[in-house]
Amino acid sequence: MAKVELKQPIVDEIKAQLDGAKSMVVVDYRGISVADVTELRKQCREAGVVYKVYKNTMVKRAVEGTEFEGVVKDLEGTNAFAISKDDATAPARIVANFIRKAKCCELKSGVVEGTYYDAAGIATIATIPSRDELIAKFMGSIQSPITNFARVIKQIAEQKDGGAAESEAAAE
């Protein structure tokens, strides 16, 4: 069997991971211990993010002609890849939070919803809350004025009812 035939299934696996993916982050994983990488993989898995190490040449072949082609220039050295099909900011957020705590590895670059970002851009994207958190904050900001308005109306109604009860008592 030729080497190309042996490598093709790996390239196909990477393409399948990237098919429909919203984002991919390239991580330089030098200096990470086995225990740390196990913890990082666990956090990624819980968030629906695939964290895997692939050979750079395989990734180069897999991303050729796709929206993820921008990361090719960063594929030097030891790299791992965090890929998400659901939450576009999850890979950057999870890996950046892990790096902050473990003080190892570094974000190299990534593609989020078709746009290439360098290390600084991915670090900025990592600060964006998840979609669910943003919706919860939005709903809270909408609900707060309505709740306050309802509370004021209730107090006004109670004052009027209290005043009506006092005038009825005085009339008797």
Protein backbone atom coordinates (compact mmCIF):
# COMPACT_ATOMS: atom_id res chain seq x y z
CA MET A 1 0.00 0.00 0.00
CA ALA A 2 1.23 3.46 -0.82
CA LYS A 3 1.67 6.03 1.91
CA VAL A 4 -1.02 8.23 0.34
CA GLU A 5 -3.59 5.43 0.65
CA LEU A 6 -2.74 5.01 4.34
CA LYS A 7 -3.07 8.73 5.01
CA GLN A 8 -6.30 9.30 3.08
CA PRO A 9 -8.60 7.96 5.87
CA ILE A 10 -7.07 10.46 8.30
CA VAL A 11 -7.56 13.32 5.84
CA ASP A 12 -11.16 12.16 5.36
CA GLU A 13 -11.68 12.09 9.14
CA ILE A 14 -10.44 15.69 9.44
CA LYS A 15 -12.68 16.76 6.54
CA ALA A 16 -15.65 15.10 8.25
CA GLN A 17 -14.86 16.96 11.49
CA LEU A 18 -14.67 20.26 9.60
CA ASP A 19 -17.79 19.63 7.51
CA GLY A 20 -20.43 21.93 8.99
CA ALA A 21 -18.07 23.17 11.72
CA LYS A 22 -18.55 26.74 12.91
CA SER A 23 -15.02 27.10 14.22
CA MET A 24 -11.59 25.57 14.52
CA VAL A 25 -8.80 26.72 16.84
CA VAL A 26 -5.13 25.79 16.45
CA VAL A 27 -3.36 25.17 19.78
CA ASP A 28 0.38 24.81 20.32
CA TYR A 29 0.32 22.09 22.96
CA ARG A 30 4.00 22.06 23.96
CA GLY A 31 4.53 21.73 27.68
CA ILE A 32 1.19 20.15 28.56
CA SER A 33 1.15 17.11 30.83
CA VAL A 34 -0.91 14.00 30.20
CA ALA A 35 -3.16 14.84 33.15
CA ASP A 36 -3.73 18.36 31.82
CA VAL A 37 -4.55 17.20 28.29
CA THR A 38 -6.98 14.65 29.72
CA GLU A 39 -8.72 17.42 31.66
CA LEU A 40 -8.81 19.68 28.60
CA ARG A 41 -10.30 16.91 26.47
CA LYS A 42 -12.94 16.29 29.15
CA GLN A 43 -13.91 19.97 29.21
CA CYS A 44 -14.07 20.05 25.42
CA ARG A 45 -16.16 16.89 25.21
CA GLU A 46 -18.66 18.27 27.76
CA ALA A 47 -19.09 21.38 25.59
CA GLY A 48 -19.46 19.41 22.34
CA VAL A 49 -16.01 20.40 21.09
CA VAL A 50 -13.64 17.90 19.45
CA TYR A 51 -10.03 18.32 20.64
CA LYS A 52 -7.58 16.23 18.66
CA VAL A 53 -3.95 16.12 17.58
CA TYR A 54 -3.37 15.64 13.85
CA LYS A 55 -0.25 15.85 11.74
CA ASN A 56 0.12 19.27 10.15
CA THR A 57 0.44 17.80 6.64
CA MET A 58 -2.86 15.95 7.06
CA VAL A 59 -4.63 19.12 8.18
CA LYS A 60 -3.12 21.07 5.28
CA ARG A 61 -4.59 18.56 2.84
CA ALA A 62 -7.96 18.49 4.60
CA VAL A 63 -8.46 22.29 4.75
CA GLU A 64 -7.35 22.89 1.16
CA GLY A 65 -10.10 24.81 -0.63
CA THR A 66 -12.24 25.30 2.50
CA GLU A 67 -12.97 28.30 4.72
CA PHE A 68 -10.41 26.90 7.19
CA GLU A 69 -7.51 27.26 4.73
CA GLY A 70 -6.26 30.39 6.51
CA VAL A 71 -4.74 28.36 9.35
CA VAL A 72 -2.26 26.65 7.01
CA LYS A 73 0.38 29.32 7.63
CA ASP A 74 0.29 28.53 11.38
CA LEU A 75 0.80 24.78 11.02
CA GLU A 76 4.35 24.53 12.29
CA GLY A 77 5.46 22.59 15.34
CA THR A 78 3.20 20.61 17.65
CA ASN A 79 -0.44 21.47 17.11
CA ALA A 80 -3.78 20.29 18.39
CA PHE A 81 -7.12 21.33 16.96
CA ALA A 82 -10.34 22.23 18.76
CA ILE A 83 -13.38 22.03 16.46
CA SER A 84 -17.02 22.88 17.17
CA LYS A 85 -20.11 22.38 15.04
CA ASP A 86 -22.49 24.03 17.53
CA ASP A 87 -21.05 26.99 19.43
CA ALA A 88 -18.64 29.10 17.36
CA THR A 89 -16.85 30.59 20.37
CA ALA A 90 -16.65 27.43 22.50
CA PRO A 91 -13.27 26.09 21.31
CA ALA A 92 -11.50 29.41 21.86
CA ARG A 93 -13.24 30.01 25.20
CA ILE A 94 -12.57 26.54 26.63
CA VAL A 95 -8.93 26.37 25.53
CA ALA A 96 -8.17 29.96 26.64
CA ASN A 97 -9.72 29.35 30.09
CA PHE A 98 -7.73 26.14 30.40
CA ILE A 99 -4.48 27.85 29.37
CA ARG A 100 -5.08 30.60 31.94
CA LYS A 101 -5.41 28.02 34.74
CA ALA A 102 -2.80 25.47 33.62
CA LYS A 103 -0.28 28.05 32.36
CA CYS A 104 0.78 25.84 29.47
CA CYS A 105 0.13 25.75 25.72
CA GLU A 106 -0.86 28.75 23.63
CA LEU A 107 -3.50 29.70 21.11
CA LYS A 108 -1.99 30.11 17.65
CA SER A 109 -4.91 31.02 15.41
CA GLY A 110 -8.29 29.87 14.25
CA VAL A 111 -11.25 30.29 11.97
CA VAL A 112 -14.61 31.32 13.40
CA GLU A 113 -17.61 31.30 11.09
CA GLY A 114 -15.43 31.59 8.00
CA THR A 115 -13.13 34.36 9.24
CA TYR A 116 -9.45 33.76 10.04
CA TYR A 117 -8.11 35.19 13.32
CA ASP A 118 -4.55 35.30 14.60
CA ALA A 119 -3.63 34.53 18.23
CA ALA A 120 -4.78 37.96 19.48
CA GLY A 121 -8.08 37.69 17.61
CA ILE A 122 -8.78 34.22 18.97
CA ALA A 123 -7.94 35.44 22.48
CA THR A 124 -10.52 38.21 22.03
CA ILE A 125 -13.12 35.75 20.76
CA ALA A 126 -12.44 33.61 23.83
CA THR A 127 -13.87 36.42 25.98
CA ILE A 128 -17.27 36.27 24.23
CA PRO A 129 -19.84 34.40 26.33
CA SER A 130 -21.65 31.40 24.91
CA ARG A 131 -24.85 31.85 22.92
CA ASP A 132 -26.93 30.59 25.86
CA GLU A 133 -25.27 33.07 28.25
CA LEU A 134 -25.89 35.94 25.82
CA ILE A 135 -29.56 34.97 25.46
CA ALA A 136 -29.95 34.75 29.25
CA LYS A 137 -28.38 38.20 29.70
CA PHE A 138 -30.60 39.63 26.96
CA MET A 139 -33.74 38.12 28.48
CA GLY A 140 -32.72 39.45 31.89
CA SER A 141 -32.26 42.95 30.51
CA ILE A 142 -35.67 42.80 28.83
CA GLN A 143 -37.38 41.31 31.86
CA SER A 144 -35.96 43.78 34.40
CA PRO A 145 -37.86 46.91 33.23
CA ILE A 146 -41.08 44.94 32.85
CA THR A 147 -40.73 43.51 36.37
CA ASN A 148 -40.05 46.96 37.81
CA PHE A 149 -43.06 48.40 35.96
CA ALA A 150 -45.30 45.60 37.29
CA ARG A 151 -44.04 46.20 40.84
CA VAL A 152 -44.84 49.94 40.61
CA ILE A 153 -48.34 49.26 39.24
CA LYS A 154 -48.96 46.78 42.07
CA GLN A 155 -47.86 49.35 44.68
CA ILE A 156 -50.13 51.99 43.16
CA ALA A 157 -53.05 49.55 43.16
CA GLU A 158 -52.37 48.63 46.80
CA GLN A 159 -52.26 52.30 47.80
CA LYS A 160 -55.58 52.98 46.05
CA ASP A 161 -57.16 49.89 47.63
CA GLY A 162 -55.83 50.95 51.03
CA GLY A 163 -57.21 54.49 50.55
CA ALA A 164 -60.61 53.12 49.48
CA ALA A 165 -60.75 50.86 52.54
CA GLU A 166 -59.93 53.82 54.83
CA SER A 167 -62.67 56.02 53.31
CA GLU A 168 -65.21 53.17 53.67
CA ALA A 169 -64.24 52.76 57.34
CA ALA A 170 -64.61 56.49 57.93
CA ALA A 171 -68.05 56.50 56.26
CA GLU A 172 -69.40 53.80 58.57
